[in-house]
Amino acid sequence: MKTIDKEIVKARFGKNFHTYQNEASVQKNVAKRLADTLHHFQTEPMTRALEIGCGTGFLTENMWFSYDIGTYYLNDLVNPMSGEILKMAVDQAFYNYSFLPGDAELIQYPQHLDTIVSSSTVQWFGSLEKFSKKAAQALKTDGILAFSTFGTQNFREIKTTLGVGLDYSSPEELSSIFSEKFDLLHQDQWRQTLWLDSPWQVLRHIKTTGVNGCGKDFLGKEKLKKFEESYYANFSNSEGKVSLTYQPIICVMKARR
């Protein structure tokens, strides 16, 4: 089981949720791809669905636009995110939703769900094994769990230069973890590299998307200098730009009893 300080995660996402909407282009694209992928497997009407980690509504918007949904439950660790959802509900004239704030590993899930979806969230969970059992219990037999997360090469530059980062799971590990309760229907992964002007821009990008919620460390002057030198030495191109790697993974699974 991973130990993740959810209060740090909550504070940093809450502080940066206004900039997240504009800065998190990778997460926005992943959410759309997840919603599009789900179309191939969600063949039954979606009468009751739960979204975990709705954030500012990247996935929510795609789900409401693309699917005919009866009741939609939204969860997020950060309460202010619900304000973005309210605006979206008015824009799309969708009002059959309920907001369930709190830690998705601790709150009670609605039962007899047709679908559980989650985008760019489960990498923050302490135990995917427990989440697998909890999700399976909340879903109907043959209900669909569809989520995106990130693989072991995600933010590899940060782990190399600073030695910090989440313990991401590989596609094979994800398949194994969920195999007790789910049949894997689809799995996809890819890499997306952002090229930024400097290591400082990398830190800014991470800060404004809130995804630096995995540690408390303050980078002093000396450590920042070493970070900059190492980053340029290992992750720059001929034009002087530096890379930041994302490795999204999409999984679609069917629950079984």
C-alpha atoms as a PDB file:
ATOM      1  CA  MET A   1       0.000   0.000   0.000  1.00  0.00           C
ATOM      2  CA  LYS A   2       1.345   3.443  -0.931  1.00  0.00           C
ATOM      3  CA  THR A   3       1.389   6.213   1.662  1.00  0.00           C
ATOM      4  CA  ILE A   4       0.150   9.452   0.143  1.00  0.00           C
ATOM      5  CA  ASP A   5      -0.680  12.540   2.193  1.00  0.00           C
ATOM      6  CA  LYS A   6      -4.142  13.353   0.870  1.00  0.00           C
ATOM      7  CA  GLU A   7      -4.173  16.680   2.716  1.00  0.00           C
ATOM      8  CA  ILE A   8      -1.206  17.826   0.629  1.00  0.00           C
ATOM      9  CA  VAL A   9      -2.910  16.588  -2.538  1.00  0.00           C
ATOM     10  CA  LYS A  10      -6.129  18.367  -1.576  1.00  0.00           C
ATOM     11  CA  ALA A  11      -4.357  21.620  -0.708  1.00  0.00           C
ATOM     12  CA  ARG A  12      -2.310  21.772  -3.892  1.00  0.00           C
ATOM     13  CA  PHE A  13      -5.119  20.881  -6.273  1.00  0.00           C
ATOM     14  CA  GLY A  14      -7.431  23.278  -4.446  1.00  0.00           C
ATOM     15  CA  LYS A  15      -4.895  26.091  -4.666  1.00  0.00           C
ATOM     16  CA  ASN A  16      -4.317  25.592  -8.379  1.00  0.00           C
ATOM     17  CA  PHE A  17      -7.695  24.513  -9.734  1.00  0.00           C
ATOM     18  CA  HIS A  18      -8.160  27.850 -11.537  1.00  0.00           C
ATOM     19  CA  THR A  19      -4.917  27.387 -13.500  1.00  0.00           C
ATOM     20  CA  TYR A  20      -5.506  23.649 -13.955  1.00  0.00           C
ATOM     21  CA  GLN A  21      -8.283  24.354 -16.458  1.00  0.00           C
ATOM     22  CA  ASN A  22      -5.837  26.083 -18.824  1.00  0.00           C
ATOM     23  CA  GLU A  23      -2.558  24.344 -18.043  1.00  0.00           C
ATOM     24  CA  ALA A  24      -3.575  20.662 -17.887  1.00  0.00           C
ATOM     25  CA  SER A  25      -3.754  20.082 -21.649  1.00  0.00           C
ATOM     26  CA  VAL A  26      -2.536  16.486 -21.399  1.00  0.00           C
ATOM     27  CA  GLN A  27      -5.149  15.591 -18.795  1.00  0.00           C
ATOM     28  CA  LYS A  28      -7.848  17.257 -20.912  1.00  0.00           C
ATOM     29  CA  ASN A  29      -6.897  15.194 -23.969  1.00  0.00           C
ATOM     30  CA  VAL A  30      -6.728  12.002 -21.911  1.00  0.00           C
ATOM     31  CA  ALA A  31     -10.249  12.619 -20.560  1.00  0.00           C
ATOM     32  CA  LYS A  32     -11.652  12.986 -24.069  1.00  0.00           C
ATOM     33  CA  ARG A  33      -9.864   9.861 -25.256  1.00  0.00           C
ATOM     34  CA  LEU A  34     -11.219   7.923 -22.268  1.00  0.00           C
ATOM     35  CA  ALA A  35     -14.801   9.030 -22.984  1.00  0.00           C
ATOM     36  CA  ASP A  36     -14.402   8.183 -26.675  1.00  0.00           C
ATOM     37  CA  THR A  37     -12.946   4.756 -25.881  1.00  0.00           C
ATOM     38  CA  LEU A  38     -15.823   3.950 -23.540  1.00  0.00           C
ATOM     39  CA  HIS A  39     -18.259   4.177 -26.483  1.00  0.00           C
ATOM     40  CA  HIS A  40     -16.968   0.854 -27.810  1.00  0.00           C
ATOM     41  CA  PHE A  41     -17.825  -1.019 -24.607  1.00  0.00           C
ATOM     42  CA  GLN A  42     -20.718   0.790 -22.906  1.00  0.00           C
ATOM     43  CA  THR A  43     -23.502  -0.849 -24.903  1.00  0.00           C
ATOM     44  CA  GLU A  44     -26.251  -0.671 -22.247  1.00  0.00           C
ATOM     45  CA  PRO A  45     -28.076   2.527 -21.171  1.00  0.00           C
ATOM     46  CA  MET A  46     -26.262   4.385 -18.404  1.00  0.00           C
ATOM     47  CA  THR A  47     -28.942   4.740 -15.750  1.00  0.00           C
ATOM     48  CA  ARG A  48     -26.571   5.221 -12.797  1.00  0.00           C
ATOM     49  CA  ALA A  49     -22.957   6.345 -13.208  1.00  0.00           C
ATOM     50  CA  LEU A  50     -20.240   7.535 -10.839  1.00  0.00           C
ATOM     51  CA  GLU A  51     -17.266   9.695 -11.750  1.00  0.00           C
ATOM     52  CA  ILE A  52     -14.348   9.637  -9.319  1.00  0.00           C
ATOM     53  CA  GLY A  53     -12.062  12.672  -9.195  1.00  0.00           C
ATOM     54  CA  CYS A  54     -14.134  14.953 -11.417  1.00  0.00           C
ATOM     55  CA  GLY A  55     -11.817  17.924 -10.886  1.00  0.00           C
ATOM     56  CA  THR A  56     -12.738  20.885 -13.095  1.00  0.00           C
ATOM     57  CA  GLY A  57     -14.878  18.657 -15.296  1.00  0.00           C
ATOM     58  CA  PHE A  58     -12.737  17.533 -18.243  1.00  0.00           C
ATOM     59  CA  LEU A  59     -14.242  14.040 -18.240  1.00  0.00           C
ATOM     60  CA  THR A  60     -17.623  15.219 -16.926  1.00  0.00           C
ATOM     61  CA  GLU A  61     -18.126  17.474 -19.925  1.00  0.00           C
ATOM     62  CA  ASN A  62     -17.347  14.656 -22.350  1.00  0.00           C
ATOM     63  CA  MET A  63     -19.614  12.205 -20.529  1.00  0.00           C
ATOM     64  CA  TRP A  64     -22.576  14.578 -20.377  1.00  0.00           C
ATOM     65  CA  PHE A  65     -22.155  15.575 -24.007  1.00  0.00           C
ATOM     66  CA  SER A  66     -21.670  12.043 -25.381  1.00  0.00           C
ATOM     67  CA  TYR A  67     -23.952   9.817 -23.301  1.00  0.00           C
ATOM     68  CA  ASP A  68     -27.599   9.612 -22.321  1.00  0.00           C
ATOM     69  CA  ILE A  69     -27.275   9.283 -18.548  1.00  0.00           C
ATOM     70  CA  GLY A  70     -29.980   8.808 -15.938  1.00  0.00           C
ATOM     71  CA  THR A  71     -28.291   9.802 -12.666  1.00  0.00           C
ATOM     72  CA  TYR A  72     -24.671  10.944 -12.529  1.00  0.00           C
ATOM     73  CA  TYR A  73     -22.733  10.986  -9.261  1.00  0.00           C
ATOM     74  CA  LEU A  74     -19.625  13.166  -9.045  1.00  0.00           C
ATOM     75  CA  ASN A  75     -16.844  12.806  -6.528  1.00  0.00           C
ATOM     76  CA  ASP A  76     -13.787  14.919  -5.857  1.00  0.00           C
ATOM     77  CA  LEU A  77     -11.397  15.443  -2.974  1.00  0.00           C
ATOM     78  CA  VAL A  78     -11.531  19.229  -3.433  1.00  0.00           C
ATOM     79  CA  ASN A  79     -14.925  20.810  -2.743  1.00  0.00           C
ATOM     80  CA  PRO A  80     -14.442  24.022  -4.788  1.00  0.00           C
ATOM     81  CA  MET A  81     -14.325  21.901  -7.926  1.00  0.00           C
ATOM     82  CA  SER A  82     -18.116  21.581  -7.675  1.00  0.00           C
ATOM     83  CA  GLY A  83     -18.466  25.213  -8.751  1.00  0.00           C
ATOM     84  CA  GLU A  84     -17.069  24.370 -12.176  1.00  0.00           C
ATOM     85  CA  ILE A  85     -19.563  21.511 -12.438  1.00  0.00           C
ATOM     86  CA  LEU A  86     -22.467  23.846 -11.630  1.00  0.00           C
ATOM     87  CA  LYS A  87     -21.505  26.102 -14.541  1.00  0.00           C
ATOM     88  CA  MET A  88     -21.209  23.085 -16.822  1.00  0.00           C
ATOM     89  CA  ALA A  89     -24.611  21.753 -15.751  1.00  0.00           C
ATOM     90  CA  VAL A  90     -26.257  25.038 -16.689  1.00  0.00           C
ATOM     91  CA  ASP A  91     -24.447  25.184 -20.026  1.00  0.00           C
ATOM     92  CA  GLN A  92     -25.475  21.641 -20.936  1.00  0.00           C
ATOM     93  CA  ALA A  93     -28.889  21.769 -19.208  1.00  0.00           C
ATOM     94  CA  PHE A  94     -28.038  18.605 -17.260  1.00  0.00           C
ATOM     95  CA  TYR A  95     -29.342  18.501 -13.704  1.00  0.00           C
ATOM     96  CA  ASN A  96     -29.564  14.788 -12.830  1.00  0.00           C
ATOM     97  CA  TYR A  97     -26.393  14.745 -10.775  1.00  0.00           C
ATOM     98  CA  SER A  98     -25.296  14.587  -7.163  1.00  0.00           C
ATOM     99  CA  PHE A  99     -21.943  15.730  -5.798  1.00  0.00           C
ATOM    100  CA  LEU A 100     -20.156  13.380  -3.366  1.00  0.00           C
ATOM    101  CA  PRO A 101     -17.174  15.247  -1.850  1.00  0.00           C
ATOM    102  CA  GLY A 102     -14.339  13.478  -0.088  1.00  0.00           C
ATOM    103  CA  ASP A 103     -11.595  10.910  -0.418  1.00  0.00           C
ATOM    104  CA  ALA A 104     -12.762   8.306  -2.934  1.00  0.00           C
ATOM    105  CA  GLU A 105     -10.949   5.607  -0.977  1.00  0.00           C
ATOM    106  CA  LEU A 106     -13.042   6.369   2.101  1.00  0.00           C
ATOM    107  CA  ILE A 107     -16.490   7.563   1.058  1.00  0.00           C
ATOM    108  CA  GLN A 108     -19.469   5.274   0.458  1.00  0.00           C
ATOM    109  CA  TYR A 109     -20.214   4.634  -3.211  1.00  0.00           C
ATOM    110  CA  PRO A 110     -23.761   4.517  -4.571  1.00  0.00           C
ATOM    111  CA  GLN A 111     -24.748   0.927  -5.322  1.00  0.00           C
ATOM    112  CA  HIS A 112     -26.134  -0.841  -8.419  1.00  0.00           C
ATOM    113  CA  LEU A 113     -24.100   1.370 -10.744  1.00  0.00           C
ATOM    114  CA  ASP A 114     -23.878   0.696 -14.460  1.00  0.00           C
ATOM    115  CA  THR A 115     -20.611   2.565 -14.852  1.00  0.00           C
ATOM    116  CA  ILE A 116     -17.706   3.986 -12.869  1.00  0.00           C
ATOM    117  CA  VAL A 117     -15.338   6.356 -14.662  1.00  0.00           C
ATOM    118  CA  SER A 118     -12.254   8.207 -13.508  1.00  0.00           C
ATOM    119  CA  SER A 119      -9.620  10.237 -15.323  1.00  0.00           C
ATOM    120  CA  SER A 120      -6.121  11.033 -14.036  1.00  0.00           C
ATOM    121  CA  THR A 121      -7.020  10.239 -10.429  1.00  0.00           C
ATOM    122  CA  VAL A 122      -6.335   6.670  -9.298  1.00  0.00           C
ATOM    123  CA  GLN A 123      -2.550   7.188  -9.290  1.00  0.00           C
ATOM    124  CA  TRP A 124      -3.150   9.089  -6.035  1.00  0.00           C
ATOM    125  CA  PHE A 125      -4.792   6.077  -4.358  1.00  0.00           C
ATOM    126  CA  GLY A 126      -3.002   4.281  -1.567  1.00  0.00           C
ATOM    127  CA  SER A 127      -4.411   0.869  -2.507  1.00  0.00           C
ATOM    128  CA  LEU A 128      -5.668  -0.009  -5.966  1.00  0.00           C
ATOM    129  CA  GLU A 129      -6.475  -3.489  -4.667  1.00  0.00           C
ATOM    130  CA  LYS A 130      -9.014  -2.063  -2.201  1.00  0.00           C
ATOM    131  CA  PHE A 131     -10.370   0.280  -4.851  1.00  0.00           C
ATOM    132  CA  SER A 132     -10.881  -2.662  -7.203  1.00  0.00           C
ATOM    133  CA  LYS A 133     -12.992  -4.500  -4.626  1.00  0.00           C
ATOM    134  CA  LYS A 134     -14.927  -1.378  -3.675  1.00  0.00           C
ATOM    135  CA  ALA A 135     -15.705  -0.538  -7.310  1.00  0.00           C
ATOM    136  CA  ALA A 136     -16.753  -4.101  -8.106  1.00  0.00           C
ATOM    137  CA  GLN A 137     -19.092  -4.149  -5.120  1.00  0.00           C
ATOM    138  CA  ALA A 138     -20.768  -0.900  -6.255  1.00  0.00           C
ATOM    139  CA  LEU A 139     -21.234  -2.041  -9.866  1.00  0.00           C
ATOM    140  CA  LYS A 140     -23.873  -4.335 -11.246  1.00  0.00           C
ATOM    141  CA  THR A 141     -22.652  -7.608 -12.674  1.00  0.00           C
ATOM    142  CA  ASP A 142     -21.146  -6.766 -16.072  1.00  0.00           C
ATOM    143  CA  GLY A 143     -20.958  -3.103 -15.055  1.00  0.00           C
ATOM    144  CA  ILE A 144     -18.127  -1.098 -16.588  1.00  0.00           C
ATOM    145  CA  LEU A 145     -15.110   0.440 -14.870  1.00  0.00           C
ATOM    146  CA  ALA A 146     -13.197   2.796 -17.160  1.00  0.00           C
ATOM    147  CA  PHE A 147     -10.284   4.870 -15.941  1.00  0.00           C
ATOM    148  CA  SER A 148      -7.111   6.584 -17.002  1.00  0.00           C
ATOM    149  CA  THR A 149      -3.934   6.808 -14.982  1.00  0.00           C
ATOM    150  CA  PHE A 150      -0.216   7.144 -15.696  1.00  0.00           C
ATOM    151  CA  GLY A 151       2.586   4.621 -16.138  1.00  0.00           C
ATOM    152  CA  THR A 152       6.052   4.158 -14.723  1.00  0.00           C
ATOM    153  CA  GLN A 153       7.705   6.528 -17.218  1.00  0.00           C
ATOM    154  CA  ASN A 154       5.451   9.420 -16.236  1.00  0.00           C
ATOM    155  CA  PHE A 155       7.498  12.438 -15.100  1.00  0.00           C
ATOM    156  CA  ARG A 156      10.642  10.337 -15.425  1.00  0.00           C
ATOM    157  CA  GLU A 157      12.679  13.529 -15.649  1.00  0.00           C
ATOM    158  CA  ILE A 158      11.513  14.653 -12.199  1.00  0.00           C
ATOM    159  CA  LYS A 159      12.252  11.307 -10.604  1.00  0.00           C
ATOM    160  CA  THR A 160      15.721  11.263 -12.187  1.00  0.00           C
ATOM    161  CA  THR A 161      16.706  14.802 -11.220  1.00  0.00           C
ATOM    162  CA  LEU A 162      14.971  15.188  -7.854  1.00  0.00           C
ATOM    163  CA  GLY A 163      14.368  11.600  -6.771  1.00  0.00           C
ATOM    164  CA  VAL A 164      10.701  12.250  -5.970  1.00  0.00           C
ATOM    165  CA  GLY A 165       7.464  11.136  -7.546  1.00  0.00           C
ATOM    166  CA  LEU A 166       4.544   8.780  -7.306  1.00  0.00           C
ATOM    167  CA  ASP A 167       4.974   5.014  -7.525  1.00  0.00           C
ATOM    168  CA  TYR A 168       3.115   4.522 -10.787  1.00  0.00           C
ATOM    169  CA  SER A 169       1.875   1.105 -11.934  1.00  0.00           C
ATOM    170  CA  SER A 170       2.718  -0.501 -15.263  1.00  0.00           C
ATOM    171  CA  PRO A 171      -0.089  -1.714 -17.571  1.00  0.00           C
ATOM    172  CA  GLU A 172       0.760  -5.297 -16.580  1.00  0.00           C
ATOM    173  CA  GLU A 173       0.536  -4.466 -12.883  1.00  0.00           C
ATOM    174  CA  LEU A 174      -2.815  -2.764 -13.385  1.00  0.00           C
ATOM    175  CA  SER A 175      -4.169  -5.810 -15.226  1.00  0.00           C
ATOM    176  CA  SER A 176      -3.041  -8.067 -12.394  1.00  0.00           C
ATOM    177  CA  ILE A 177      -4.405  -5.863  -9.603  1.00  0.00           C
ATOM    178  CA  PHE A 178      -7.910  -5.694 -11.086  1.00  0.00           C
ATOM    179  CA  SER A 179      -8.039  -9.279 -12.407  1.00  0.00           C
ATOM    180  CA  GLU A 180      -9.661 -10.701  -9.261  1.00  0.00           C
ATOM    181  CA  LYS A 181     -12.867  -8.689  -9.752  1.00  0.00           C
ATOM    182  CA  PHE A 182     -12.775  -7.555 -13.389  1.00  0.00           C
ATOM    183  CA  ASP A 183     -12.276  -8.822 -16.925  1.00  0.00           C
ATOM    184  CA  LEU A 184     -10.042  -6.509 -18.927  1.00  0.00           C
ATOM    185  CA  LEU A 185     -11.776  -5.358 -22.103  1.00  0.00           C
ATOM    186  CA  HIS A 186      -9.314  -2.756 -23.326  1.00  0.00           C
ATOM    187  CA  GLN A 187      -5.985  -1.264 -22.370  1.00  0.00           C
ATOM    188  CA  ASP A 188      -4.054   1.447 -24.147  1.00  0.00           C
ATOM    189  CA  GLN A 189      -0.942   3.441 -23.344  1.00  0.00           C
ATOM    190  CA  TRP A 190       1.143   6.111 -25.047  1.00  0.00           C
ATOM    191  CA  ARG A 191       3.730   8.737 -24.309  1.00  0.00           C
ATOM    192  CA  GLN A 192       3.313  12.455 -24.751  1.00  0.00           C
ATOM    193  CA  THR A 193       6.292  14.732 -24.375  1.00  0.00           C
ATOM    194  CA  LEU A 194       5.987  18.407 -23.543  1.00  0.00           C
ATOM    195  CA  TRP A 195       8.925  20.577 -24.619  1.00  0.00           C
ATOM    196  CA  LEU A 196       9.331  23.539 -22.305  1.00  0.00           C
ATOM    197  CA  ASP A 197      11.725  26.472 -22.311  1.00  0.00           C
ATOM    198  CA  SER A 198      13.591  25.620 -19.113  1.00  0.00           C
ATOM    199  CA  PRO A 199      13.592  23.423 -16.008  1.00  0.00           C
ATOM    200  CA  TRP A 200      11.921  26.358 -14.235  1.00  0.00           C
ATOM    201  CA  GLN A 201       9.053  26.130 -16.717  1.00  0.00           C
ATOM    202  CA  VAL A 202       8.775  22.431 -15.870  1.00  0.00           C
ATOM    203  CA  LEU A 203       8.383  23.287 -12.193  1.00  0.00           C
ATOM    204  CA  ARG A 204       5.845  25.984 -13.062  1.00  0.00           C
ATOM    205  CA  HIS A 205       3.826  23.553 -15.184  1.00  0.00           C
ATOM    206  CA  ILE A 206       3.775  20.999 -12.392  1.00  0.00           C
ATOM    207  CA  LYS A 207       2.779  23.637  -9.839  1.00  0.00           C
ATOM    208  CA  THR A 208      -0.037  25.163 -11.912  1.00  0.00           C
ATOM    209  CA  THR A 209      -1.561  21.755 -12.600  1.00  0.00           C
ATOM    210  CA  GLY A 210      -1.420  20.788  -8.921  1.00  0.00           C
ATOM    211  CA  VAL A 211       0.266  17.474  -9.663  1.00  0.00           C
ATOM    212  CA  ASN A 212       3.119  18.169  -7.239  1.00  0.00           C
ATOM    213  CA  GLY A 213       1.051  16.786  -4.384  1.00  0.00           C
ATOM    214  CA  CYS A 214       3.434  13.960  -3.589  1.00  0.00           C
ATOM    215  CA  GLY A 215       5.907  15.697  -1.315  1.00  0.00           C
ATOM    216  CA  LYS A 216       6.617  18.534   1.089  1.00  0.00           C
ATOM    217  CA  ASP A 217      10.243  19.153   0.158  1.00  0.00           C
ATOM    218  CA  PHE A 218      11.377  22.739  -0.284  1.00  0.00           C
ATOM    219  CA  LEU A 219      14.058  23.140  -2.933  1.00  0.00           C
ATOM    220  CA  GLY A 220      16.811  25.348  -1.562  1.00  0.00           C
ATOM    221  CA  LYS A 221      19.150  27.414  -3.740  1.00  0.00           C
ATOM    222  CA  GLU A 222      21.828  24.730  -3.970  1.00  0.00           C
ATOM    223  CA  LYS A 223      19.387  21.947  -4.777  1.00  0.00           C
ATOM    224  CA  LEU A 224      17.685  24.097  -7.404  1.00  0.00           C
ATOM    225  CA  LYS A 225      21.032  24.760  -9.096  1.00  0.00           C
ATOM    226  CA  LYS A 226      21.826  21.030  -9.201  1.00  0.00           C
ATOM    227  CA  PHE A 227      18.323  20.326 -10.482  1.00  0.00           C
ATOM    228  CA  GLU A 228      18.759  22.825 -13.320  1.00  0.00           C
ATOM    229  CA  GLU A 229      22.186  21.486 -14.313  1.00  0.00           C
ATOM    230  CA  SER A 230      21.055  17.861 -14.244  1.00  0.00           C
ATOM    231  CA  TYR A 231      17.884  18.606 -16.186  1.00  0.00           C
ATOM    232  CA  TYR A 232      19.721  20.428 -18.963  1.00  0.00           C
ATOM    233  CA  ALA A 233      22.408  17.732 -19.087  1.00  0.00           C
ATOM    234  CA  ASN A 234      19.974  14.828 -19.417  1.00  0.00           C
ATOM    235  CA  PHE A 235      16.719  16.110 -20.898  1.00  0.00           C
ATOM    236  CA  SER A 236      17.415  18.994 -23.289  1.00  0.00           C
ATOM    237  CA  ASN A 237      17.368  19.012 -27.083  1.00  0.00           C
ATOM    238  CA  SER A 238      19.539  20.825 -29.618  1.00  0.00           C
ATOM    239  CA  GLU A 239      17.283  23.883 -29.382  1.00  0.00           C
ATOM    240  CA  GLY A 240      17.789  24.164 -25.636  1.00  0.00           C
ATOM    241  CA  LYS A 241      14.267  23.093 -24.713  1.00  0.00           C
ATOM    242  CA  VAL A 242      13.696  20.470 -22.024  1.00  0.00           C
ATOM    243  CA  SER A 243      11.292  17.553 -21.970  1.00  0.00           C
ATOM    244  CA  LEU A 244       8.589  16.465 -19.557  1.00  0.00           C
ATOM    245  CA  THR A 245       7.182  13.012 -20.234  1.00  0.00           C
ATOM    246  CA  TYR A 246       3.611  11.902 -19.663  1.00  0.00           C
ATOM    247  CA  GLN A 247       2.638   8.237 -20.027  1.00  0.00           C
ATOM    248  CA  PRO A 248      -1.162   7.952 -19.952  1.00  0.00           C
ATOM    249  CA  ILE A 249      -2.829   4.542 -19.610  1.00  0.00           C
ATOM    250  CA  ILE A 250      -6.497   3.830 -20.303  1.00  0.00           C
ATOM    251  CA  CYS A 251      -8.219   0.735 -18.925  1.00  0.00           C
ATOM    252  CA  VAL A 252     -11.766  -0.478 -19.537  1.00  0.00           C
ATOM    253  CA  MET A 253     -12.995  -3.428 -17.500  1.00  0.00           C
ATOM    254  CA  LYS A 254     -16.162  -5.424 -16.883  1.00  0.00           C
ATOM    255  CA  ALA A 255     -17.162  -6.385 -13.339  1.00  0.00           C
ATOM    256  CA  ARG A 256     -17.910  -9.948 -12.408  1.00  0.00           C
ATOM    257  CA  ARG A 257     -19.097 -11.581  -9.216  1.00  0.00           C
END
